[in-house]
Amino acid sequence: GVASYHFDPQRPYMDFSEPLQWWRATMAENFPIRVYFEDWDFNPRSRVFTGRIDLTAFPFGNEVLWVFHMVFDATFSSIVGGSVLCFAPDGSIADERRYVPHNERVSDE
């Protein structure tokens, strides 16, 4: 995969120690292996995690901020909904990546 999520109760983070080759080409040269969520929250009742990752110091292509909204299944073992909003330096949305349940495809139609 691209990265792995680690929901440490003190400091959740993403691990990029084994990114796909095309992701590696998009990463800034100083992109860290571990990036930490800021302003994060987890609501176990609704199974929703929200958080931000500031990429200002190590941009990912034209993206300097990722804002996450993840919805977990009832066993908390899979992300079944939500999205990542990716912001450009000027504050505009550069991309939106949606989470979908396994075995479903995202269509651009």
Protein backbone atom coordinates (compact mmCIF):
# COMPACT_ATOMS: atom_id res chain seq x y z
CA GLY A 1 0.00 0.00 0.00
CA VAL A 2 0.86 3.66 0.14
CA ALA A 3 1.07 4.13 3.89
CA SER A 4 -0.20 2.61 7.09
CA TYR A 5 -2.26 4.30 9.79
CA HIS A 6 -1.28 3.91 13.43
CA PHE A 7 -3.85 5.01 15.98
CA ASP A 8 -1.64 5.42 19.02
CA PRO A 9 -3.94 6.89 21.70
CA GLN A 10 -1.33 9.56 22.54
CA ARG A 11 -0.14 10.49 19.04
CA PRO A 12 -1.65 8.83 15.93
CA TYR A 13 0.43 8.87 12.77
CA MET A 14 0.91 7.63 9.21
CA ASP A 15 3.92 5.51 8.31
CA PHE A 16 5.44 5.88 4.83
CA SER A 17 8.32 3.45 5.24
CA GLU A 18 7.21 1.40 2.23
CA PRO A 19 5.33 3.68 -0.20
CA LEU A 20 4.46 2.66 -3.73
CA GLN A 21 7.05 3.74 -6.30
CA TRP A 22 4.83 6.43 -7.89
CA TRP A 23 4.11 7.91 -4.45
CA ARG A 24 7.82 8.00 -3.68
CA ALA A 25 8.36 10.04 -6.86
CA THR A 26 5.74 12.59 -5.74
CA MET A 27 7.10 13.00 -2.20
CA ALA A 28 9.40 15.87 -1.31
CA GLU A 29 13.01 14.79 -0.85
CA ASN A 30 12.76 15.44 2.90
CA PHE A 31 9.39 13.66 3.31
CA PRO A 32 9.53 11.87 6.68
CA ILE A 33 8.81 8.20 7.19
CA ARG A 34 6.37 9.05 9.98
CA VAL A 35 3.93 11.99 9.93
CA TYR A 36 1.72 12.79 12.90
CA PHE A 37 -1.93 13.81 12.95
CA GLU A 38 -2.72 17.23 14.41
CA ASP A 39 -6.05 18.41 15.84
CA TRP A 40 -7.28 14.83 15.83
CA ASP A 41 -10.35 13.35 17.44
CA PHE A 42 -11.86 9.89 17.63
CA ASN A 43 -15.49 9.24 18.50
CA PRO A 44 -15.91 5.52 19.34
CA ARG A 45 -19.71 5.77 19.32
CA SER A 46 -19.87 6.99 15.72
CA ARG A 47 -16.58 5.19 14.80
CA VAL A 48 -15.25 8.41 13.21
CA PHE A 49 -11.66 9.63 13.26
CA THR A 50 -10.82 13.16 12.11
CA GLY A 51 -7.43 14.80 11.92
CA ARG A 52 -5.04 16.92 9.88
CA ILE A 53 -1.54 16.39 8.58
CA ASP A 54 0.42 19.56 7.83
CA LEU A 55 2.76 19.02 4.88
CA THR A 56 4.05 22.59 4.63
CA ALA A 57 7.63 21.56 5.46
CA PHE A 58 7.59 18.63 3.01
CA PRO A 59 4.94 19.11 0.30
CA PHE A 60 3.40 16.16 -1.48
CA GLY A 61 3.22 17.40 -5.06
CA ASN A 62 1.05 20.51 -4.80
CA GLU A 63 -0.48 19.45 -1.46
CA VAL A 64 0.48 21.08 1.84
CA LEU A 65 -2.39 19.95 4.09
CA TRP A 66 -4.44 16.76 4.34
CA VAL A 67 -7.71 16.80 6.30
CA PHE A 68 -9.00 13.33 7.18
CA HIS A 69 -12.49 12.03 7.95
CA MET A 70 -12.47 8.24 8.41
CA VAL A 71 -15.45 6.04 9.24
CA PHE A 72 -14.67 2.57 10.62
CA ASP A 73 -16.66 -0.64 10.45
CA ALA A 74 -18.29 -2.05 13.60
CA THR A 75 -15.15 -4.03 14.47
CA PHE A 76 -12.81 -1.05 13.93
CA SER A 77 -10.74 -3.17 11.54
CA SER A 78 -11.51 -1.38 8.25
CA ILE A 79 -12.16 2.12 6.99
CA VAL A 80 -15.54 1.97 5.25
CA GLY A 81 -16.18 5.62 4.44
CA GLY A 82 -14.93 9.16 4.60
CA SER A 83 -12.38 11.16 2.67
CA VAL A 84 -9.11 13.05 2.67
CA LEU A 85 -9.29 16.65 1.50
CA CYS A 86 -5.94 17.75 0.07
CA PHE A 87 -5.19 21.48 0.09
CA ALA A 88 -2.82 23.48 -2.12
CA PRO A 89 -0.62 26.28 -0.76
CA ASP A 90 -3.23 28.90 -1.73
CA GLY A 91 -5.88 27.14 0.41
CA SER A 92 -7.82 25.69 -2.51
CA ILE A 93 -8.75 22.01 -2.58
CA ALA A 94 -6.20 20.25 -4.78
CA ASP A 95 -7.81 16.80 -4.52
CA GLU A 96 -10.32 14.72 -2.60
CA ARG A 97 -9.61 11.05 -1.97
CA ARG A 98 -12.57 8.99 -0.83
CA TYR A 99 -12.45 5.88 1.30
CA VAL A 100 -14.75 3.14 0.10
CA PRO A 101 -15.48 -0.28 1.60
CA HIS A 102 -13.31 -3.12 0.33
CA ASN A 103 -14.52 -4.70 -2.92
CA GLU A 104 -16.16 -1.46 -4.09
CA ARG A 105 -14.85 0.75 -6.85
CA VAL A 106 -14.89 4.51 -7.05
CA SER A 107 -16.25 5.71 -10.36
CA ASP A 108 -15.43 9.04 -11.97
CA GLU A 109 -18.67 8.92 -13.98
